[in-house]
Amino acid sequence: MSWLFYALLSAVAAAATAILAKIGVSGIPSNLATALRTSLIVPLVWALVLARGEAHALKTASTHNLVFLALSALATGASWLAYFKALQLAPASHVAPIDKLSLPLTIALAALVLREPLSLKLACGVGLMVAGAMLTLS
């Protein structure tokens, strides 16, 4: 399957995450909710790795891979903790669009750090994403 299928699946799952998490954080601390969610994800992902026979690739993981995956994990943890706290404090319809500002931020960082091309069309799209997120706050 193509990258587009997985990207769309990710978007659908992220949308469901917002609603399910909003319901799940009611009545418990947001950090506990994040810990519970993370505790459920870890064994599921390891089961997938084992079922697909991908664990052997651990031998080929370099220090470079591990350092950047560790940094990514820290960023993910910070994102999840902040996201759950925001969901506890505000409607999902406000939190999710602001969270999705990660899209234009990712595009900007990809251009700066990874030297990915940034066209006028892409820059306009980023501007519209930001404007759309801001319009949801009114």
N, C-alpha and C. Protein backbone atom coordinates (compact mmCIF):
# COMPACT_ATOMS: atom_id res chain seq x y z
N MET A 1 0.84 -1.19 0.00
CA MET A 1 0.00 0.00 0.00
C MET A 1 0.88 1.24 0.00
N SER A 2 0.35 2.32 -0.51
CA SER A 2 1.14 3.54 -0.66
C SER A 2 1.22 4.34 0.63
N TRP A 3 2.13 5.30 0.62
CA TRP A 3 2.28 6.19 1.77
C TRP A 3 0.99 6.96 2.02
N LEU A 4 0.26 7.27 0.96
CA LEU A 4 -0.97 8.05 1.11
C LEU A 4 -2.02 7.29 1.92
N PHE A 5 -2.13 6.00 1.69
CA PHE A 5 -3.06 5.18 2.48
C PHE A 5 -2.72 5.29 3.96
N TYR A 6 -1.44 5.11 4.29
CA TYR A 6 -1.03 5.15 5.70
C TYR A 6 -1.17 6.56 6.28
N ALA A 7 -0.93 7.58 5.48
CA ALA A 7 -1.10 8.95 5.96
C ALA A 7 -2.57 9.23 6.26
N LEU A 8 -3.47 8.79 5.39
CA LEU A 8 -4.91 8.97 5.63
C LEU A 8 -5.37 8.15 6.84
N LEU A 9 -4.86 6.94 6.97
CA LEU A 9 -5.17 6.12 8.13
C LEU A 9 -4.70 6.80 9.41
N SER A 10 -3.53 7.41 9.36
CA SER A 10 -3.01 8.16 10.50
C SER A 10 -3.94 9.32 10.86
N ALA A 11 -4.43 10.03 9.86
CA ALA A 11 -5.33 11.17 10.10
C ALA A 11 -6.63 10.71 10.74
N VAL A 12 -7.18 9.60 10.24
CA VAL A 12 -8.43 9.07 10.81
C VAL A 12 -8.19 8.63 12.26
N ALA A 13 -7.08 7.93 12.50
CA ALA A 13 -6.77 7.49 13.85
C ALA A 13 -6.53 8.67 14.78
N ALA A 14 -5.87 9.70 14.28
CA ALA A 14 -5.63 10.90 15.11
C ALA A 14 -6.95 11.59 15.47
N ALA A 15 -7.88 11.62 14.53
CA ALA A 15 -9.19 12.21 14.80
C ALA A 15 -9.91 11.41 15.88
N ALA A 16 -9.87 10.10 15.75
CA ALA A 16 -10.49 9.25 16.77
C ALA A 16 -9.80 9.42 18.12
N THR A 17 -8.49 9.57 18.08
CA THR A 17 -7.71 9.76 19.32
C THR A 17 -8.20 10.97 20.09
N ALA A 18 -8.44 12.06 19.39
CA ALA A 18 -8.88 13.28 20.06
C ALA A 18 -10.19 13.07 20.81
N ILE A 19 -11.13 12.44 20.16
CA ILE A 19 -12.44 12.24 20.78
C ILE A 19 -12.36 11.22 21.91
N LEU A 20 -11.70 10.10 21.65
CA LEU A 20 -11.58 9.06 22.67
C LEU A 20 -10.78 9.55 23.88
N ALA A 21 -9.73 10.30 23.63
CA ALA A 21 -8.91 10.83 24.72
C ALA A 21 -9.70 11.85 25.54
N LYS A 22 -10.46 12.69 24.87
CA LYS A 22 -11.28 13.69 25.59
C LYS A 22 -12.22 12.99 26.56
N ILE A 23 -12.83 11.90 26.13
CA ILE A 23 -13.72 11.14 27.00
C ILE A 23 -12.90 10.45 28.10
N GLY A 24 -11.73 9.92 27.73
CA GLY A 24 -10.91 9.16 28.67
C GLY A 24 -10.27 9.97 29.78
N VAL A 25 -9.99 11.25 29.54
CA VAL A 25 -9.32 12.05 30.57
C VAL A 25 -10.28 12.63 31.60
N SER A 26 -11.57 12.49 31.36
CA SER A 26 -12.52 13.09 32.30
C SER A 26 -12.46 12.33 33.63
N GLY A 27 -12.20 13.07 34.69
CA GLY A 27 -12.22 12.50 36.03
C GLY A 27 -10.90 11.92 36.52
N ILE A 28 -9.87 11.89 35.67
CA ILE A 28 -8.56 11.42 36.13
C ILE A 28 -7.49 12.42 35.70
N PRO A 29 -6.35 12.45 36.40
CA PRO A 29 -5.27 13.37 35.98
C PRO A 29 -4.79 13.06 34.56
N SER A 30 -4.49 14.10 33.81
CA SER A 30 -4.08 13.92 32.42
C SER A 30 -2.78 13.13 32.30
N ASN A 31 -1.87 13.30 33.27
CA ASN A 31 -0.62 12.54 33.22
C ASN A 31 -0.87 11.05 33.40
N LEU A 32 -1.80 10.71 34.28
CA LEU A 32 -2.16 9.31 34.48
C LEU A 32 -2.79 8.75 33.21
N ALA A 33 -3.65 9.54 32.58
CA ALA A 33 -4.28 9.10 31.33
C ALA A 33 -3.21 8.83 30.26
N THR A 34 -2.22 9.70 30.18
CA THR A 34 -1.13 9.51 29.22
C THR A 34 -0.35 8.25 29.54
N ALA A 35 -0.06 8.02 30.81
CA ALA A 35 0.68 6.82 31.22
C ALA A 35 -0.10 5.56 30.89
N LEU A 36 -1.41 5.59 31.13
CA LEU A 36 -2.23 4.42 30.81
C LEU A 36 -2.24 4.15 29.32
N ARG A 37 -2.41 5.18 28.53
CA ARG A 37 -2.42 5.03 27.07
C ARG A 37 -1.09 4.48 26.58
N THR A 38 -0.01 5.03 27.07
CA THR A 38 1.32 4.59 26.66
C THR A 38 1.55 3.13 27.05
N SER A 39 1.11 2.76 28.23
CA SER A 39 1.27 1.37 28.69
C SER A 39 0.55 0.38 27.80
N LEU A 40 -0.53 0.81 27.21
CA LEU A 40 -1.27 -0.06 26.29
C LEU A 40 -0.62 -0.12 24.90
N ILE A 41 -0.02 0.97 24.48
CA ILE A 41 0.57 1.04 23.15
C ILE A 41 1.83 0.17 23.06
N VAL A 42 2.67 0.21 24.08
CA VAL A 42 3.96 -0.49 24.02
C VAL A 42 3.81 -1.98 23.71
N PRO A 43 3.02 -2.74 24.46
CA PRO A 43 2.92 -4.16 24.12
C PRO A 43 2.28 -4.42 22.75
N LEU A 44 1.35 -3.56 22.34
CA LEU A 44 0.73 -3.74 21.02
C LEU A 44 1.74 -3.57 19.90
N VAL A 45 2.60 -2.56 20.02
CA VAL A 45 3.58 -2.31 18.97
C VAL A 45 4.63 -3.42 18.95
N TRP A 46 5.07 -3.87 20.15
CA TRP A 46 6.03 -4.98 20.19
C TRP A 46 5.42 -6.26 19.62
N ALA A 47 4.16 -6.50 19.87
CA ALA A 47 3.49 -7.67 19.30
C ALA A 47 3.49 -7.58 17.77
N LEU A 48 3.25 -6.39 17.23
CA LEU A 48 3.28 -6.19 15.79
C LEU A 48 4.68 -6.45 15.23
N VAL A 49 5.70 -5.91 15.89
CA VAL A 49 7.09 -6.11 15.45
C VAL A 49 7.43 -7.60 15.43
N LEU A 50 7.05 -8.30 16.49
CA LEU A 50 7.35 -9.73 16.58
C LEU A 50 6.55 -10.52 15.54
N ALA A 51 5.29 -10.18 15.37
CA ALA A 51 4.45 -10.90 14.41
C ALA A 51 4.95 -10.72 12.98
N ARG A 52 5.50 -9.57 12.68
CA ARG A 52 6.01 -9.31 11.33
C ARG A 52 7.47 -9.74 11.16
N GLY A 53 8.07 -10.26 12.22
CA GLY A 53 9.46 -10.73 12.14
C GLY A 53 10.47 -9.62 11.96
N GLU A 54 10.18 -8.46 12.52
CA GLU A 54 11.06 -7.31 12.32
C GLU A 54 12.08 -7.11 13.45
N ALA A 55 12.00 -7.91 14.51
CA ALA A 55 12.89 -7.73 15.66
C ALA A 55 14.35 -7.95 15.30
N HIS A 56 14.62 -8.76 14.28
CA HIS A 56 16.01 -9.03 13.89
C HIS A 56 16.74 -7.75 13.46
N ALA A 57 16.00 -6.75 13.01
CA ALA A 57 16.61 -5.51 12.55
C ALA A 57 17.21 -4.70 13.70
N LEU A 58 16.94 -5.08 14.94
CA LEU A 58 17.56 -4.41 16.09
C LEU A 58 19.08 -4.45 15.97
N LYS A 59 19.61 -5.53 15.42
CA LYS A 59 21.06 -5.69 15.28
C LYS A 59 21.66 -4.64 14.37
N THR A 60 20.88 -4.13 13.44
CA THR A 60 21.40 -3.16 12.48
C THR A 60 21.16 -1.71 12.91
N ALA A 61 20.47 -1.51 14.03
CA ALA A 61 20.22 -0.14 14.50
C ALA A 61 21.52 0.47 15.01
N SER A 62 21.84 1.63 14.47
CA SER A 62 23.08 2.31 14.86
C SER A 62 22.84 3.21 16.07
N THR A 63 23.92 3.68 16.64
CA THR A 63 23.81 4.65 17.74
C THR A 63 23.06 5.89 17.25
N HIS A 64 23.34 6.29 16.03
CA HIS A 64 22.65 7.44 15.41
C HIS A 64 21.14 7.20 15.40
N ASN A 65 20.71 6.00 14.95
CA ASN A 65 19.28 5.66 14.96
C ASN A 65 18.72 5.76 16.37
N LEU A 66 19.41 5.16 17.32
CA LEU A 66 18.91 5.10 18.69
C LEU A 66 18.83 6.48 19.34
N VAL A 67 19.82 7.33 19.09
CA VAL A 67 19.80 8.68 19.67
C VAL A 67 18.61 9.47 19.14
N PHE A 68 18.42 9.43 17.82
CA PHE A 68 17.33 10.22 17.25
C PHE A 68 15.96 9.63 17.57
N LEU A 69 15.87 8.32 17.69
CA LEU A 69 14.60 7.73 18.12
C LEU A 69 14.32 8.05 19.58
N ALA A 70 15.35 8.11 20.40
CA ALA A 70 15.17 8.51 21.80
C ALA A 70 14.70 9.95 21.89
N LEU A 71 15.31 10.83 21.10
CA LEU A 71 14.87 12.23 21.08
C LEU A 71 13.44 12.35 20.57
N SER A 72 13.11 11.56 19.56
CA SER A 72 11.74 11.53 19.05
C SER A 72 10.77 11.05 20.13
N ALA A 73 11.18 10.05 20.89
CA ALA A 73 10.33 9.54 21.97
C ALA A 73 10.09 10.62 23.02
N LEU A 74 11.12 11.37 23.35
CA LEU A 74 10.95 12.46 24.32
C LEU A 74 9.99 13.53 23.79
N ALA A 75 10.13 13.85 22.51
CA ALA A 75 9.22 14.82 21.90
C ALA A 75 7.79 14.29 21.88
N THR A 76 7.63 13.00 21.56
CA THR A 76 6.30 12.38 21.56
C THR A 76 5.70 12.41 22.95
N GLY A 77 6.49 12.08 23.95
CA GLY A 77 6.00 12.10 25.33
C GLY A 77 5.55 13.49 25.75
N ALA A 78 6.36 14.48 25.42
CA ALA A 78 5.98 15.87 25.75
C ALA A 78 4.70 16.26 25.02
N SER A 79 4.59 15.85 23.75
CA SER A 79 3.39 16.15 22.97
C SER A 79 2.16 15.51 23.60
N TRP A 80 2.26 14.23 23.94
CA TRP A 80 1.13 13.52 24.52
C TRP A 80 0.72 14.10 25.86
N LEU A 81 1.69 14.42 26.70
CA LEU A 81 1.37 14.99 28.01
C LEU A 81 0.66 16.34 27.86
N ALA A 82 1.19 17.17 26.97
CA ALA A 82 0.57 18.48 26.76
C ALA A 82 -0.81 18.35 26.11
N TYR A 83 -0.94 17.42 25.17
CA TYR A 83 -2.20 17.21 24.47
C TYR A 83 -3.30 16.77 25.44
N PHE A 84 -2.98 15.81 26.28
CA PHE A 84 -3.98 15.32 27.23
C PHE A 84 -4.36 16.40 28.23
N LYS A 85 -3.39 17.20 28.67
CA LYS A 85 -3.70 18.30 29.59
C LYS A 85 -4.59 19.32 28.89
N ALA A 86 -4.28 19.64 27.65
CA ALA A 86 -5.11 20.59 26.90
C ALA A 86 -6.52 20.05 26.72
N LEU A 87 -6.65 18.75 26.41
CA LEU A 87 -7.98 18.15 26.26
C LEU A 87 -8.77 18.20 27.56
N GLN A 88 -8.06 18.11 28.66
CA GLN A 88 -8.74 18.17 29.96
C GLN A 88 -9.27 19.58 30.24
N LEU A 89 -8.59 20.57 29.68
CA LEU A 89 -8.91 21.97 29.98
C LEU A 89 -9.80 22.65 28.94
N ALA A 90 -9.91 22.06 27.75
CA ALA A 90 -10.65 22.75 26.68
C ALA A 90 -11.38 21.74 25.80
N PRO A 91 -12.34 22.21 25.01
CA PRO A 91 -13.05 21.30 24.09
C PRO A 91 -12.11 20.72 23.05
N ALA A 92 -12.36 19.48 22.67
CA ALA A 92 -11.55 18.82 21.64
C ALA A 92 -11.57 19.62 20.34
N SER A 93 -12.68 20.28 20.06
CA SER A 93 -12.80 21.06 18.82
C SER A 93 -11.88 22.28 18.82
N HIS A 94 -11.38 22.68 19.99
CA HIS A 94 -10.40 23.77 20.07
C HIS A 94 -8.98 23.20 20.11
N VAL A 95 -8.81 22.13 20.86
CA VAL A 95 -7.47 21.57 21.06
C VAL A 95 -6.93 20.95 19.77
N ALA A 96 -7.74 20.14 19.10
CA ALA A 96 -7.25 19.40 17.93
C ALA A 96 -6.73 20.31 16.82
N PRO A 97 -7.42 21.39 16.45
CA PRO A 97 -6.87 22.24 15.39
C PRO A 97 -5.53 22.89 15.77
N ILE A 98 -5.39 23.27 17.03
CA ILE A 98 -4.13 23.86 17.46
C ILE A 98 -3.04 22.79 17.45
N ASP A 99 -3.39 21.58 17.90
CA ASP A 99 -2.44 20.47 17.85
C ASP A 99 -2.00 20.22 16.41
N LYS A 100 -2.90 20.40 15.48
CA LYS A 100 -2.57 20.15 14.08
C LYS A 100 -1.70 21.23 13.48
N LEU A 101 -1.39 22.26 14.26
CA LEU A 101 -0.37 23.21 13.80
C LEU A 101 0.98 22.51 13.69
N SER A 102 1.04 21.28 14.19
CA SER A 102 2.25 20.48 13.98
C SER A 102 2.50 20.28 12.49
N LEU A 103 1.46 20.32 11.67
CA LEU A 103 1.64 20.16 10.22
C LEU A 103 2.49 21.28 9.63
N PRO A 104 2.11 22.54 9.79
CA PRO A 104 2.97 23.59 9.24
C PRO A 104 4.33 23.66 9.94
N LEU A 105 4.37 23.34 11.23
CA LEU A 105 5.65 23.34 11.92
C LEU A 105 6.56 22.24 11.38
N THR A 106 5.99 21.08 11.08
CA THR A 106 6.77 19.99 10.50
C THR A 106 7.31 20.38 9.14
N ILE A 107 6.49 21.02 8.33
CA ILE A 107 6.93 21.44 7.00
C ILE A 107 8.06 22.46 7.11
N ALA A 108 7.93 23.40 8.03
CA ALA A 108 8.99 24.40 8.23
C ALA A 108 10.28 23.74 8.72
N LEU A 109 10.16 22.84 9.70
CA LEU A 109 11.35 22.15 10.21
C LEU A 109 11.97 21.24 9.15
N ALA A 110 11.13 20.60 8.33
CA ALA A 110 11.66 19.76 7.25
C ALA A 110 12.47 20.59 6.26
N ALA A 111 12.01 21.80 5.99
CA ALA A 111 12.75 22.69 5.10
C ALA A 111 14.06 23.15 5.73
N LEU A 112 14.01 23.51 7.02
CA LEU A 112 15.21 24.01 7.70
C LEU A 112 16.22 22.91 8.03
N VAL A 113 15.75 21.83 8.61
CA VAL A 113 16.65 20.80 9.12
C VAL A 113 16.99 19.76 8.05
N LEU A 114 15.98 19.30 7.32
CA LEU A 114 16.20 18.24 6.34
C LEU A 114 16.45 18.77 4.93
N ARG A 115 16.37 20.08 4.78
CA ARG A 115 16.57 20.73 3.49
C ARG A 115 15.58 20.26 2.43
N GLU A 116 14.35 19.93 2.87
CA GLU A 116 13.32 19.56 1.91
C GLU A 116 12.84 20.83 1.20
N PRO A 117 12.50 20.74 -0.06
CA PRO A 117 12.12 21.94 -0.82
C PRO A 117 10.81 22.54 -0.29
N LEU A 118 10.75 23.85 -0.33
CA LEU A 118 9.57 24.59 0.09
C LEU A 118 9.16 25.50 -1.07
N SER A 119 8.10 25.11 -1.76
CA SER A 119 7.63 25.88 -2.91
C SER A 119 6.65 26.96 -2.46
N LEU A 120 6.34 27.85 -3.35
CA LEU A 120 5.35 28.89 -3.07
C LEU A 120 3.99 28.25 -2.78
N LYS A 121 3.64 27.23 -3.56
CA LYS A 121 2.37 26.52 -3.35
C LYS A 121 2.32 25.90 -1.96
N LEU A 122 3.41 25.26 -1.53
CA LEU A 122 3.47 24.65 -0.21
C LEU A 122 3.41 25.72 0.88
N ALA A 123 4.12 26.82 0.68
CA ALA A 123 4.10 27.92 1.66
C ALA A 123 2.69 28.50 1.80
N CYS A 124 1.98 28.62 0.69
CA CYS A 124 0.60 29.11 0.75
C CYS A 124 -0.29 28.13 1.50
N GLY A 125 -0.09 26.84 1.26
CA GLY A 125 -0.85 25.82 1.98
C GLY A 125 -0.59 25.89 3.47
N VAL A 126 0.66 26.08 3.85
CA VAL A 126 1.02 26.22 5.27
C VAL A 126 0.31 27.43 5.87
N GLY A 127 0.32 28.53 5.14
CA GLY A 127 -0.37 29.73 5.61
C GLY A 127 -1.85 29.49 5.81
N LEU A 128 -2.46 28.76 4.90
CA LEU A 128 -3.89 28.44 5.03
C LEU A 128 -4.15 27.52 6.22
N MET A 129 -3.23 26.57 6.47
CA MET A 129 -3.39 25.70 7.63
C MET A 129 -3.38 26.51 8.92
N VAL A 130 -2.45 27.43 9.02
CA VAL A 130 -2.34 28.28 10.21
C VAL A 130 -3.60 29.13 10.35
N ALA A 131 -4.03 29.74 9.24
CA ALA A 131 -5.24 30.57 9.28
C ALA A 131 -6.46 29.73 9.69
N GLY A 132 -6.56 28.53 9.13
CA GLY A 132 -7.68 27.65 9.48
C GLY A 132 -7.68 27.30 10.95
N ALA A 133 -6.52 26.98 11.49
CA ALA A 133 -6.43 26.66 12.93
C ALA A 133 -6.85 27.86 13.77
N MET A 134 -6.41 29.04 13.38
CA MET A 134 -6.76 30.24 14.14
C MET A 134 -8.26 30.54 14.07
N LEU A 135 -8.88 30.27 12.91
CA LEU A 135 -10.31 30.53 12.76
C LEU A 135 -11.15 29.62 13.65
N THR A 136 -10.65 28.47 14.03
CA THR A 136 -11.42 27.56 14.88
C THR A 136 -11.52 28.06 16.31
N LEU A 137 -10.71 29.02 16.67
CA LEU A 137 -10.69 29.50 18.05
C LEU A 137 -11.76 30.53 18.36
N SER A 138 -12.38 31.08 17.34
CA SER A 138 -13.35 32.15 17.59
C SER A 138 -14.65 31.65 18.13
